[in-house]
Amino acid sequence: MSNAPAGETWDDIYSRRQPTKYPYDAVVTFVMRHAPHGHPRHDVRILEVGCGGGNNLWFAAREGFQVWGIDAAAAAIEFARQRFRDEGLNGEFHHGTFEALPYPDGFFDLVIDRGGLTCVAPPVLATCLGEVNRVLKPAGRFFFSPYSTATTSLAGYGKIYFYDEPGVTTVLSGWEVISQEHVVVADSLSGSVRAEWRVIAKKWHQN
């Protein structure tokens, strides 16, 4: 698999290109299906870990939800803040890592991970997932989307860790998994394959 040069940071990557502008369809579906029913949208809190330039949160904010984002790339966070300012949208963005999220316990209704936690080394991922669980409300839902080992080429995205089905099951041990999809897109001309997991899980309670 071809990734970005060793040692390159996400700030380096974002300095070369504009962040994604529009939301991913799977995130739109997750938010609209799993936001708490019967609650006004302005009372629903959504966090994205690895928010990049804020494309998914841009959609959620425009739909009236409260949004927060955190990313390890300062350049991405500044892009998201500026975009929200330019468009008059409300959102809070933090530059930081995912091992100690700067939010209170039980604060969020939904947490989104669209290709963010797949960049975290497996020994650290358990801590990050524990933090996601901590900041979710008791009935909160989590969208987890790491890349799959079925992927054959993914260039220019820094260091990425890939998961097979047993790997996904292991890292989500303890979570109540509601749905789990393996989405594979194969280019019939080049033969390249890009595949990801789309898992929706419910907050679990630690003893």
N, C-alpha and C. Protein backbone atom coordinates (compact mmCIF):
# COMPACT_ATOMS: atom_id res chain seq x y z
N MET A 1 0.84 -1.19 0.00
CA MET A 1 0.00 0.00 0.00
C MET A 1 0.88 1.25 0.00
N SER A 2 0.45 2.24 -0.73
CA SER A 2 1.23 3.47 -0.84
C SER A 2 0.62 4.55 0.03
N ASN A 3 1.38 5.02 1.01
CA ASN A 3 0.94 6.12 1.87
C ASN A 3 1.86 7.32 1.66
N ALA A 4 1.59 8.39 2.41
CA ALA A 4 2.44 9.57 2.32
C ALA A 4 3.83 9.24 2.85
N PRO A 5 4.84 10.04 2.51
CA PRO A 5 6.20 9.77 2.95
C PRO A 5 6.30 9.64 4.46
N ALA A 6 7.19 8.73 4.89
CA ALA A 6 7.38 8.52 6.32
C ALA A 6 7.74 9.82 7.01
N GLY A 7 7.13 10.06 8.16
CA GLY A 7 7.43 11.26 8.93
C GLY A 7 6.60 12.46 8.56
N GLU A 8 5.84 12.37 7.48
CA GLU A 8 5.01 13.49 7.07
C GLU A 8 3.82 13.61 8.03
N THR A 9 3.48 14.83 8.37
CA THR A 9 2.39 15.06 9.29
C THR A 9 1.12 15.44 8.54
N TRP A 10 -0.02 15.43 9.25
CA TRP A 10 -1.27 15.85 8.63
C TRP A 10 -1.24 17.34 8.30
N ASP A 11 -0.50 18.14 9.05
CA ASP A 11 -0.35 19.54 8.67
C ASP A 11 0.34 19.66 7.31
N ASP A 12 1.33 18.80 7.07
CA ASP A 12 1.99 18.79 5.75
C ASP A 12 0.99 18.46 4.65
N ILE A 13 0.15 17.45 4.92
CA ILE A 13 -0.82 17.01 3.93
C ILE A 13 -1.82 18.12 3.63
N TYR A 14 -2.36 18.75 4.69
CA TYR A 14 -3.34 19.81 4.47
C TYR A 14 -2.72 21.05 3.82
N SER A 15 -1.41 21.24 3.97
CA SER A 15 -0.77 22.38 3.33
C SER A 15 -0.69 22.21 1.82
N ARG A 16 -0.79 20.97 1.34
CA ARG A 16 -0.72 20.68 -0.09
C ARG A 16 -2.06 20.79 -0.78
N ARG A 17 -3.15 20.62 -0.04
CA ARG A 17 -4.45 20.53 -0.69
C ARG A 17 -5.54 21.09 0.21
N GLN A 18 -6.62 21.47 -0.41
CA GLN A 18 -7.78 21.93 0.34
C GLN A 18 -8.49 20.74 0.99
N PRO A 19 -8.95 20.90 2.23
CA PRO A 19 -9.72 19.83 2.84
C PRO A 19 -10.99 19.54 2.05
N THR A 20 -11.54 18.36 2.26
CA THR A 20 -12.80 17.97 1.62
C THR A 20 -13.87 19.00 1.96
N LYS A 21 -14.65 19.40 0.97
CA LYS A 21 -15.62 20.47 1.18
C LYS A 21 -16.99 19.97 1.64
N TYR A 22 -17.42 18.84 1.10
CA TYR A 22 -18.79 18.38 1.36
C TYR A 22 -18.80 17.14 2.24
N PRO A 23 -19.93 16.87 2.92
CA PRO A 23 -19.98 15.74 3.86
C PRO A 23 -20.02 14.40 3.14
N TYR A 24 -19.59 13.36 3.84
CA TYR A 24 -19.69 12.00 3.33
C TYR A 24 -21.12 11.50 3.50
N ASP A 25 -21.62 10.79 2.48
CA ASP A 25 -23.01 10.34 2.52
C ASP A 25 -23.30 9.45 3.71
N ALA A 26 -22.34 8.61 4.11
CA ALA A 26 -22.57 7.72 5.23
C ALA A 26 -22.73 8.48 6.53
N VAL A 27 -22.02 9.61 6.66
CA VAL A 27 -22.15 10.44 7.86
C VAL A 27 -23.50 11.12 7.88
N VAL A 28 -23.93 11.63 6.72
CA VAL A 28 -25.25 12.26 6.64
C VAL A 28 -26.33 11.27 7.07
N THR A 29 -26.25 10.05 6.56
CA THR A 29 -27.23 9.03 6.92
C THR A 29 -27.20 8.72 8.41
N PHE A 30 -25.99 8.59 8.96
CA PHE A 30 -25.86 8.29 10.39
C PHE A 30 -26.50 9.38 11.23
N VAL A 31 -26.19 10.62 10.94
CA VAL A 31 -26.70 11.73 11.75
C VAL A 31 -28.22 11.80 11.67
N MET A 32 -28.76 11.71 10.47
CA MET A 32 -30.20 11.89 10.31
C MET A 32 -30.99 10.71 10.86
N ARG A 33 -30.40 9.53 10.87
CA ARG A 33 -31.11 8.36 11.41
C ARG A 33 -30.96 8.22 12.92
N HIS A 34 -29.83 8.66 13.46
CA HIS A 34 -29.53 8.33 14.85
C HIS A 34 -29.55 9.52 15.80
N ALA A 35 -29.77 10.72 15.30
CA ALA A 35 -30.00 11.84 16.21
C ALA A 35 -31.25 11.53 17.04
N PRO A 36 -31.24 11.84 18.32
CA PRO A 36 -32.37 11.48 19.18
C PRO A 36 -33.71 12.00 18.64
N HIS A 37 -34.65 11.09 18.52
CA HIS A 37 -35.97 11.48 18.03
C HIS A 37 -36.71 12.26 19.11
N GLY A 38 -37.48 13.24 18.69
CA GLY A 38 -38.27 14.01 19.63
C GLY A 38 -37.51 15.12 20.32
N HIS A 39 -36.22 15.29 19.97
CA HIS A 39 -35.42 16.37 20.54
C HIS A 39 -35.24 17.48 19.50
N PRO A 40 -35.39 18.74 19.87
CA PRO A 40 -35.07 19.81 18.93
C PRO A 40 -33.60 19.69 18.49
N ARG A 41 -33.33 19.97 17.25
CA ARG A 41 -31.97 19.81 16.75
C ARG A 41 -30.97 20.68 17.50
N HIS A 42 -31.42 21.86 17.94
CA HIS A 42 -30.48 22.75 18.64
C HIS A 42 -30.09 22.22 20.01
N ASP A 43 -30.76 21.15 20.48
CA ASP A 43 -30.39 20.52 21.75
C ASP A 43 -29.52 19.28 21.56
N VAL A 44 -29.29 18.87 20.32
CA VAL A 44 -28.51 17.66 20.02
C VAL A 44 -27.05 18.03 19.78
N ARG A 45 -26.16 17.37 20.53
CA ARG A 45 -24.73 17.67 20.45
C ARG A 45 -24.00 16.58 19.70
N ILE A 46 -23.17 17.01 18.74
CA ILE A 46 -22.43 16.07 17.89
C ILE A 46 -20.94 16.41 17.94
N LEU A 47 -20.13 15.40 18.15
CA LEU A 47 -18.66 15.52 18.12
C LEU A 47 -18.11 14.71 16.96
N GLU A 48 -17.13 15.27 16.24
CA GLU A 48 -16.38 14.48 15.28
C GLU A 48 -14.93 14.44 15.70
N VAL A 49 -14.40 13.22 15.86
CA VAL A 49 -12.98 13.04 16.15
C VAL A 49 -12.27 12.82 14.81
N GLY A 50 -11.24 13.64 14.58
CA GLY A 50 -10.61 13.64 13.26
C GLY A 50 -11.49 14.39 12.28
N CYS A 51 -11.89 15.61 12.66
CA CYS A 51 -12.88 16.36 11.87
C CYS A 51 -12.30 16.97 10.61
N GLY A 52 -10.96 16.98 10.47
CA GLY A 52 -10.37 17.59 9.29
C GLY A 52 -10.81 19.03 9.14
N GLY A 53 -11.20 19.41 7.93
CA GLY A 53 -11.63 20.78 7.66
C GLY A 53 -13.08 21.06 8.00
N GLY A 54 -13.73 20.11 8.67
CA GLY A 54 -15.08 20.35 9.17
C GLY A 54 -16.20 20.09 8.18
N ASN A 55 -15.94 19.34 7.11
CA ASN A 55 -16.97 19.14 6.08
C ASN A 55 -18.22 18.44 6.62
N ASN A 56 -18.03 17.42 7.47
CA ASN A 56 -19.20 16.72 8.02
C ASN A 56 -19.94 17.59 9.03
N LEU A 57 -19.20 18.33 9.84
CA LEU A 57 -19.83 19.20 10.83
C LEU A 57 -20.48 20.41 10.17
N TRP A 58 -19.96 20.85 9.05
CA TRP A 58 -20.58 21.92 8.26
C TRP A 58 -22.02 21.53 7.92
N PHE A 59 -22.20 20.30 7.44
CA PHE A 59 -23.55 19.82 7.13
C PHE A 59 -24.42 19.79 8.38
N ALA A 60 -23.89 19.24 9.48
CA ALA A 60 -24.69 19.11 10.70
C ALA A 60 -25.07 20.46 11.27
N ALA A 61 -24.14 21.43 11.22
CA ALA A 61 -24.45 22.77 11.72
C ALA A 61 -25.52 23.43 10.87
N ARG A 62 -25.44 23.27 9.57
CA ARG A 62 -26.46 23.84 8.67
C ARG A 62 -27.84 23.23 8.93
N GLU A 63 -27.85 21.99 9.43
CA GLU A 63 -29.11 21.33 9.76
C GLU A 63 -29.61 21.69 11.15
N GLY A 64 -28.86 22.53 11.87
CA GLY A 64 -29.34 23.02 13.15
C GLY A 64 -28.83 22.32 14.38
N PHE A 65 -27.90 21.36 14.22
CA PHE A 65 -27.33 20.65 15.36
C PHE A 65 -26.19 21.47 15.99
N GLN A 66 -25.91 21.21 17.26
CA GLN A 66 -24.72 21.77 17.91
C GLN A 66 -23.53 20.87 17.56
N VAL A 67 -22.40 21.48 17.17
CA VAL A 67 -21.29 20.65 16.71
C VAL A 67 -19.97 21.05 17.36
N TRP A 68 -19.14 20.03 17.58
CA TRP A 68 -17.78 20.17 18.08
C TRP A 68 -16.88 19.30 17.21
N GLY A 69 -15.64 19.72 17.00
CA GLY A 69 -14.69 18.92 16.25
C GLY A 69 -13.30 19.01 16.85
N ILE A 70 -12.55 17.91 16.73
CA ILE A 70 -11.17 17.88 17.21
C ILE A 70 -10.32 17.18 16.17
N ASP A 71 -9.12 17.70 15.94
CA ASP A 71 -8.22 17.11 14.95
C ASP A 71 -6.78 17.40 15.36
N ALA A 72 -5.88 16.50 14.96
CA ALA A 72 -4.47 16.64 15.29
C ALA A 72 -3.76 17.63 14.38
N ALA A 73 -4.41 18.04 13.30
CA ALA A 73 -3.79 18.97 12.35
C ALA A 73 -4.28 20.38 12.60
N ALA A 74 -3.39 21.24 13.05
CA ALA A 74 -3.76 22.63 13.32
C ALA A 74 -4.26 23.33 12.05
N ALA A 75 -3.68 23.00 10.90
CA ALA A 75 -4.09 23.64 9.65
C ALA A 75 -5.53 23.31 9.32
N ALA A 76 -5.94 22.08 9.59
CA ALA A 76 -7.32 21.67 9.32
C ALA A 76 -8.29 22.39 10.24
N ILE A 77 -7.92 22.50 11.52
CA ILE A 77 -8.79 23.17 12.48
C ILE A 77 -8.97 24.64 12.12
N GLU A 78 -7.90 25.30 11.71
CA GLU A 78 -8.01 26.71 11.33
C GLU A 78 -8.89 26.86 10.08
N PHE A 79 -8.77 25.93 9.14
CA PHE A 79 -9.62 25.96 7.96
C PHE A 79 -11.08 25.84 8.36
N ALA A 80 -11.39 24.89 9.27
CA ALA A 80 -12.77 24.69 9.71
C ALA A 80 -13.31 25.94 10.41
N ARG A 81 -12.51 26.50 11.31
CA ARG A 81 -12.95 27.71 12.01
C ARG A 81 -13.25 28.85 11.03
N GLN A 82 -12.35 29.03 10.06
CA GLN A 82 -12.54 30.12 9.11
C GLN A 82 -13.78 29.89 8.25
N ARG A 83 -13.99 28.67 7.82
CA ARG A 83 -15.17 28.37 7.01
C ARG A 83 -16.45 28.66 7.78
N PHE A 84 -16.50 28.24 9.05
CA PHE A 84 -17.68 28.49 9.87
C PHE A 84 -17.88 29.99 10.08
N ARG A 85 -16.79 30.72 10.31
CA ARG A 85 -16.91 32.18 10.46
C ARG A 85 -17.45 32.81 9.18
N ASP A 86 -16.90 32.40 8.05
CA ASP A 86 -17.31 32.97 6.77
C ASP A 86 -18.78 32.73 6.48
N GLU A 87 -19.30 31.58 6.92
CA GLU A 87 -20.67 31.22 6.60
C GLU A 87 -21.64 31.48 7.75
N GLY A 88 -21.14 32.07 8.84
CA GLY A 88 -22.01 32.42 9.95
C GLY A 88 -22.56 31.22 10.69
N LEU A 89 -21.79 30.14 10.75
CA LEU A 89 -22.22 28.93 11.43
C LEU A 89 -21.58 28.84 12.80
N ASN A 90 -22.26 28.18 13.72
CA ASN A 90 -21.74 27.98 15.07
C ASN A 90 -21.11 26.59 15.19
N GLY A 91 -19.92 26.54 15.77
CA GLY A 91 -19.24 25.27 16.01
C GLY A 91 -17.99 25.54 16.82
N GLU A 92 -17.58 24.54 17.59
CA GLU A 92 -16.37 24.66 18.39
C GLU A 92 -15.35 23.64 17.90
N PHE A 93 -14.13 24.12 17.64
CA PHE A 93 -13.07 23.27 17.09
C PHE A 93 -11.84 23.31 17.98
N HIS A 94 -11.27 22.14 18.23
CA HIS A 94 -10.10 22.03 19.09
C HIS A 94 -8.97 21.32 18.35
N HIS A 95 -7.77 21.85 18.53
CA HIS A 95 -6.57 21.19 18.02
C HIS A 95 -6.03 20.30 19.13
N GLY A 96 -5.96 18.99 18.87
CA GLY A 96 -5.47 18.08 19.90
C GLY A 96 -5.58 16.64 19.45
N THR A 97 -5.18 15.74 20.34
CA THR A 97 -5.25 14.31 20.06
C THR A 97 -6.50 13.74 20.71
N PHE A 98 -6.70 12.44 20.52
CA PHE A 98 -7.95 11.82 20.92
C PHE A 98 -7.84 11.01 22.21
N GLU A 99 -6.64 10.96 22.80
CA GLU A 99 -6.46 10.13 24.01
C GLU A 99 -7.05 10.76 25.26
N ALA A 100 -7.27 12.06 25.25
CA ALA A 100 -7.85 12.76 26.41
C ALA A 100 -8.74 13.87 25.86
N LEU A 101 -9.96 13.52 25.50
CA LEU A 101 -10.85 14.49 24.87
C LEU A 101 -11.23 15.59 25.86
N PRO A 102 -11.19 16.85 25.46
CA PRO A 102 -11.42 17.97 26.37
C PRO A 102 -12.91 18.30 26.55
N TYR A 103 -13.70 17.26 26.83
CA TYR A 103 -15.14 17.44 26.97
C TYR A 103 -15.64 16.70 28.20
N PRO A 104 -16.76 17.14 28.79
CA PRO A 104 -17.28 16.49 30.00
C PRO A 104 -17.83 15.10 29.72
N ASP A 105 -17.96 14.31 30.78
CA ASP A 105 -18.59 13.00 30.68
C ASP A 105 -20.04 13.16 30.19
N GLY A 106 -20.48 12.21 29.36
CA GLY A 106 -21.88 12.17 28.96
C GLY A 106 -22.39 13.43 28.28
N PHE A 107 -21.56 14.05 27.46
CA PHE A 107 -21.90 15.36 26.89
C PHE A 107 -22.56 15.27 25.52
N PHE A 108 -22.22 14.24 24.73
CA PHE A 108 -22.63 14.18 23.33
C PHE A 108 -23.69 13.11 23.08
N ASP A 109 -24.59 13.44 22.14
CA ASP A 109 -25.57 12.47 21.67
C ASP A 109 -24.98 11.55 20.61
N LEU A 110 -24.12 12.10 19.75
CA LEU A 110 -23.50 11.35 18.66
C LEU A 110 -22.02 11.68 18.60
N VAL A 111 -21.21 10.67 18.28
CA VAL A 111 -19.79 10.89 17.97
C VAL A 111 -19.52 10.27 16.61
N ILE A 112 -18.86 11.04 15.76
CA ILE A 112 -18.53 10.61 14.40
C ILE A 112 -17.04 10.36 14.29
N ASP A 113 -16.68 9.24 13.70
CA ASP A 113 -15.30 8.99 13.27
C ASP A 113 -15.36 8.54 11.83
N ARG A 114 -14.97 9.39 10.93
CA ARG A 114 -14.94 9.00 9.52
C ARG A 114 -13.47 9.03 9.07
N GLY A 115 -12.77 7.90 9.27
CA GLY A 115 -11.39 7.81 8.83
C GLY A 115 -10.41 8.57 9.67
N GLY A 116 -10.78 8.90 10.92
CA GLY A 116 -9.84 9.59 11.81
C GLY A 116 -9.11 8.61 12.71
N LEU A 117 -9.84 7.76 13.39
CA LEU A 117 -9.23 6.82 14.33
C LEU A 117 -8.44 5.72 13.62
N THR A 118 -8.65 5.54 12.33
CA THR A 118 -7.86 4.56 11.59
C THR A 118 -6.40 5.00 11.47
N CYS A 119 -6.12 6.26 11.80
CA CYS A 119 -4.75 6.79 11.78
C CYS A 119 -4.06 6.64 13.13
N VAL A 120 -4.77 6.10 14.12
CA VAL A 120 -4.23 5.94 15.47
C VAL A 120 -3.64 4.54 15.62
N ALA A 121 -2.45 4.46 16.18
CA ALA A 121 -1.81 3.15 16.38
C ALA A 121 -2.68 2.27 17.27
N PRO A 122 -2.82 0.99 16.94
CA PRO A 122 -3.70 0.09 17.70
C PRO A 122 -3.50 0.12 19.22
N PRO A 123 -2.26 0.20 19.74
CA PRO A 123 -2.13 0.25 21.20
C PRO A 123 -2.77 1.48 21.84
N VAL A 124 -2.90 2.55 21.06
CA VAL A 124 -3.47 3.80 21.57
C VAL A 124 -4.98 3.85 21.32
N LEU A 125 -5.45 3.07 20.36
CA LEU A 125 -6.84 3.15 19.95
C LEU A 125 -7.79 2.81 21.10
N ALA A 126 -7.44 1.84 21.93
CA ALA A 126 -8.32 1.46 23.04
C ALA A 126 -8.56 2.66 23.97
N THR A 127 -7.53 3.44 24.22
CA THR A 127 -7.69 4.64 25.04
C THR A 127 -8.61 5.63 24.37
N CYS A 128 -8.44 5.83 23.07
CA CYS A 128 -9.28 6.77 22.34
C CYS A 128 -10.74 6.34 22.35
N LEU A 129 -10.98 5.05 22.16
CA LEU A 129 -12.35 4.55 22.17
C LEU A 129 -12.97 4.67 23.56
N GLY A 130 -12.15 4.49 24.59
CA GLY A 130 -12.64 4.70 25.95
C GLY A 130 -13.05 6.14 26.17
N GLU A 131 -12.32 7.07 25.56
CA GLU A 131 -12.68 8.48 25.66
C GLU A 131 -13.97 8.79 24.90
N VAL A 132 -14.12 8.19 23.74
CA VAL A 132 -15.37 8.35 22.99
C VAL A 132 -16.55 7.86 23.83
N ASN A 133 -16.38 6.70 24.44
CA ASN A 133 -17.43 6.15 25.29
C ASN A 133 -17.73 7.09 26.47
N ARG A 134 -16.70 7.64 27.05
CA ARG A 134 -16.87 8.52 28.22
C ARG A 134 -17.71 9.74 27.90
N VAL A 135 -17.46 10.36 26.74
CA VAL A 135 -18.13 11.62 26.44
C VAL A 135 -19.52 11.44 25.84
N LEU A 136 -19.89 10.19 25.52
CA LEU A 136 -21.24 9.94 25.01
C LEU A 136 -22.25 9.90 26.14
N LYS A 137 -23.47 10.36 25.83
CA LYS A 137 -24.58 10.20 26.76
C LYS A 137 -24.96 8.72 26.87
N PRO A 138 -25.72 8.35 27.89
CA PRO A 138 -26.06 6.93 28.09
C PRO A 138 -26.66 6.25 26.87
N ALA A 139 -27.44 6.94 26.09
CA ALA A 139 -28.03 6.33 24.90
C ALA A 139 -27.30 6.76 23.63
N GLY A 140 -26.09 7.31 23.77
CA GLY A 140 -25.37 7.87 22.63
C GLY A 140 -24.94 6.83 21.62
N ARG A 141 -24.77 7.30 20.38
CA ARG A 141 -24.37 6.43 19.27
C ARG A 141 -23.03 6.90 18.68
N PHE A 142 -22.28 5.92 18.19
CA PHE A 142 -20.92 6.16 17.67
C PHE A 142 -20.82 5.59 16.28
N PHE A 143 -20.36 6.41 15.33
CA PHE A 143 -20.08 5.97 13.96
C PHE A 143 -18.58 5.78 13.82
N PHE A 144 -18.14 4.55 13.58
CA PHE A 144 -16.73 4.18 13.53
C PHE A 144 -16.42 3.66 12.14
N SER A 145 -15.46 4.29 11.45
CA SER A 145 -15.22 3.94 10.05
C SER A 145 -13.73 3.85 9.73
N PRO A 146 -13.07 2.77 10.20
CA PRO A 146 -11.66 2.58 9.83
C PRO A 146 -11.55 1.95 8.44
N TYR A 147 -10.37 2.06 7.86
CA TYR A 147 -10.14 1.41 6.57
C TYR A 147 -9.92 -0.09 6.75
N SER A 148 -10.30 -0.83 5.70
CA SER A 148 -10.25 -2.29 5.72
C SER A 148 -8.97 -2.81 5.09
N THR A 149 -8.57 -4.01 5.51
CA THR A 149 -7.39 -4.67 4.93
C THR A 149 -7.62 -5.05 3.47
N ALA A 150 -8.87 -4.97 3.00
CA ALA A 150 -9.14 -5.25 1.59
C ALA A 150 -8.64 -4.13 0.68
N THR A 151 -8.29 -2.98 1.25
CA THR A 151 -7.79 -1.85 0.47
C THR A 151 -6.43 -2.20 -0.13
N THR A 152 -6.26 -1.87 -1.41
CA THR A 152 -4.99 -2.17 -2.08
C THR A 152 -4.15 -0.92 -2.35
N SER A 153 -4.78 0.25 -2.36
CA SER A 153 -4.03 1.48 -2.64
C SER A 153 -4.72 2.65 -1.97
N LEU A 154 -3.92 3.42 -1.21
CA LEU A 154 -4.46 4.60 -0.54
C LEU A 154 -3.30 5.57 -0.36
N ALA A 155 -3.03 6.35 -1.40
CA ALA A 155 -1.85 7.20 -1.40
C ALA A 155 -2.15 8.58 -0.84
N GLY A 156 -1.15 9.15 -0.17
CA GLY A 156 -1.22 10.54 0.23
C GLY A 156 -2.00 10.84 1.48
N TYR A 157 -2.22 9.84 2.33
CA TYR A 157 -3.03 10.04 3.52
C TYR A 157 -2.28 9.78 4.81
N GLY A 158 -0.97 9.85 4.81
CA GLY A 158 -0.24 9.64 6.05
C GLY A 158 -0.26 8.20 6.49
N LYS A 159 0.08 7.97 7.76
CA LYS A 159 0.12 6.62 8.31
C LYS A 159 -1.30 6.15 8.63
N ILE A 160 -1.67 5.00 8.09
CA ILE A 160 -3.01 4.45 8.30
C ILE A 160 -2.88 3.00 8.75
N TYR A 161 -3.76 2.60 9.67
CA TYR A 161 -3.83 1.22 10.14
C TYR A 161 -5.11 0.60 9.59
N PHE A 162 -4.97 -0.62 9.07
CA PHE A 162 -6.07 -1.28 8.38
C PHE A 162 -6.60 -2.44 9.23
N TYR A 163 -7.93 -2.70 9.12
CA TYR A 163 -8.57 -3.68 10.00
C TYR A 163 -9.35 -4.72 9.19
N ASP A 164 -9.17 -6.00 9.60
CA ASP A 164 -10.06 -7.04 9.10
C ASP A 164 -11.23 -7.18 10.07
N GLU A 165 -12.16 -8.09 9.78
CA GLU A 165 -13.35 -8.20 10.62
C GLU A 165 -13.04 -8.58 12.06
N PRO A 166 -12.14 -9.58 12.30
CA PRO A 166 -11.79 -9.88 13.69
C PRO A 166 -11.16 -8.69 14.41
N GLY A 167 -10.40 -7.88 13.66
CA GLY A 167 -9.79 -6.70 14.26
C GLY A 167 -10.82 -5.68 14.71
N VAL A 168 -11.84 -5.48 13.89
CA VAL A 168 -12.92 -4.55 14.26
C VAL A 168 -13.65 -5.07 15.49
N THR A 169 -13.93 -6.37 15.50
CA THR A 169 -14.62 -6.97 16.65
C THR A 169 -13.81 -6.79 17.92
N THR A 170 -12.51 -6.97 17.81
CA THR A 170 -11.64 -6.86 18.99
C THR A 170 -11.63 -5.44 19.54
N VAL A 171 -11.44 -4.44 18.67
CA VAL A 171 -11.32 -3.07 19.17
C VAL A 171 -12.64 -2.55 19.72
N LEU A 172 -13.75 -3.13 19.28
CA LEU A 172 -15.06 -2.70 19.76
C LEU A 172 -15.62 -3.63 20.83
N SER A 173 -14.76 -4.44 21.39
CA SER A 173 -15.20 -5.34 22.46
C SER A 173 -15.83 -4.53 23.59
N GLY A 174 -17.03 -4.90 24.00
CA GLY A 174 -17.73 -4.18 25.06
C GLY A 174 -18.79 -3.23 24.53
N TRP A 175 -18.61 -2.75 23.31
CA TRP A 175 -19.62 -1.88 22.71
C TRP A 175 -20.81 -2.72 22.23
N GLU A 176 -21.99 -2.14 22.23
CA GLU A 176 -23.16 -2.79 21.63
C GLU A 176 -23.22 -2.37 20.16
N VAL A 177 -22.82 -3.27 19.28
CA VAL A 177 -22.79 -2.96 17.85
C VAL A 177 -24.19 -3.11 17.27
N ILE A 178 -24.67 -2.03 16.67
CA ILE A 178 -26.02 -2.01 16.10
C ILE A 178 -26.00 -2.46 14.65
N SER A 179 -25.00 -2.00 13.91
CA SER A 179 -24.85 -2.42 12.52
C SER A 179 -23.39 -2.37 12.14
N GLN A 180 -23.00 -3.22 11.18
CA GLN A 180 -21.60 -3.27 10.74
C GLN A 180 -21.58 -3.62 9.26
N GLU A 181 -21.11 -2.67 8.46
CA GLU A 181 -21.03 -2.87 7.02
C GLU A 181 -19.58 -2.86 6.57
N HIS A 182 -19.28 -3.69 5.58
CA HIS A 182 -17.97 -3.68 4.93
C HIS A 182 -18.20 -3.18 3.51
N VAL A 183 -17.76 -1.96 3.25
CA VAL A 183 -18.03 -1.31 1.97
C VAL A 183 -16.77 -1.37 1.12
N VAL A 184 -16.88 -2.04 -0.03
CA VAL A 184 -15.74 -2.25 -0.92
C VAL A 184 -16.04 -1.59 -2.27
N VAL A 185 -15.14 -0.72 -2.70
CA VAL A 185 -15.27 -0.09 -4.01
C VAL A 185 -14.06 -0.49 -4.85
N ALA A 186 -14.35 -1.22 -5.93
CA ALA A 186 -13.27 -1.73 -6.79
C ALA A 186 -13.33 -1.01 -8.14
N ASP A 187 -12.20 -0.48 -8.55
CA ASP A 187 -12.10 0.17 -9.85
C ASP A 187 -11.84 -0.92 -10.90
N SER A 188 -12.78 -1.12 -11.78
CA SER A 188 -12.66 -2.22 -12.74
C SER A 188 -11.59 -1.96 -13.80
N LEU A 189 -11.16 -0.70 -13.96
CA LEU A 189 -10.12 -0.40 -14.93
C LEU A 189 -8.72 -0.58 -14.33
N SER A 190 -8.50 0.02 -13.17
CA SER A 190 -7.16 -0.06 -12.57
C SER A 190 -6.99 -1.29 -11.69
N GLY A 191 -8.08 -1.85 -11.24
CA GLY A 191 -8.00 -2.99 -10.33
C GLY A 191 -7.78 -2.60 -8.88
N SER A 192 -7.68 -1.31 -8.60
CA SER A 192 -7.46 -0.87 -7.23
C SER A 192 -8.75 -1.00 -6.42
N VAL A 193 -8.57 -1.22 -5.13
CA VAL A 193 -9.71 -1.42 -4.23
C VAL A 193 -9.56 -0.47 -3.03
N ARG A 194 -10.65 0.21 -2.70
CA ARG A 194 -10.69 0.99 -1.47
C ARG A 194 -11.86 0.46 -0.66
N ALA A 195 -11.58 0.09 0.58
CA ALA A 195 -12.61 -0.54 1.40
C ALA A 195 -12.58 0.02 2.81
N GLU A 196 -13.72 0.12 3.41
CA GLU A 196 -13.82 0.65 4.77
C GLU A 196 -14.93 -0.07 5.53
N TRP A 197 -14.83 -0.01 6.85
CA TRP A 197 -15.89 -0.50 7.73
C TRP A 197 -16.76 0.67 8.12
N ARG A 198 -18.05 0.44 8.21
CA ARG A 198 -19.00 1.43 8.71
C ARG A 198 -19.78 0.77 9.84
N VAL A 199 -19.38 1.10 11.04
CA VAL A 199 -19.96 0.47 12.22
C VAL A 199 -20.72 1.52 13.03
N ILE A 200 -21.91 1.17 13.47
CA ILE A 200 -22.67 2.01 14.39
C ILE A 200 -22.80 1.25 15.69
N ALA A 201 -22.34 1.87 16.78
CA ALA A 201 -22.31 1.22 18.08
C ALA A 201 -22.94 2.12 19.13
N LYS A 202 -23.47 1.50 20.15
CA LYS A 202 -24.11 2.21 21.25
C LYS A 202 -23.17 2.25 22.44
N LYS A 203 -23.19 3.35 23.17
CA LYS A 203 -22.36 3.52 24.35
C LYS A 203 -22.48 2.31 25.27
N TRP A 204 -21.34 1.89 25.81
CA TRP A 204 -21.34 0.80 26.78
C TRP A 204 -20.90 1.34 28.13
N HIS A 205 -21.27 0.64 29.20
CA HIS A 205 -21.00 1.11 30.54
C HIS A 205 -19.89 0.29 31.17
N GLN A 206 -18.82 0.99 31.59
CA GLN A 206 -17.71 0.32 32.25
C GLN A 206 -18.07 0.03 33.70
N ASN A 207 -17.62 -1.11 34.20
CA ASN A 207 -17.87 -1.45 35.59
C ASN A 207 -16.89 -0.73 36.50
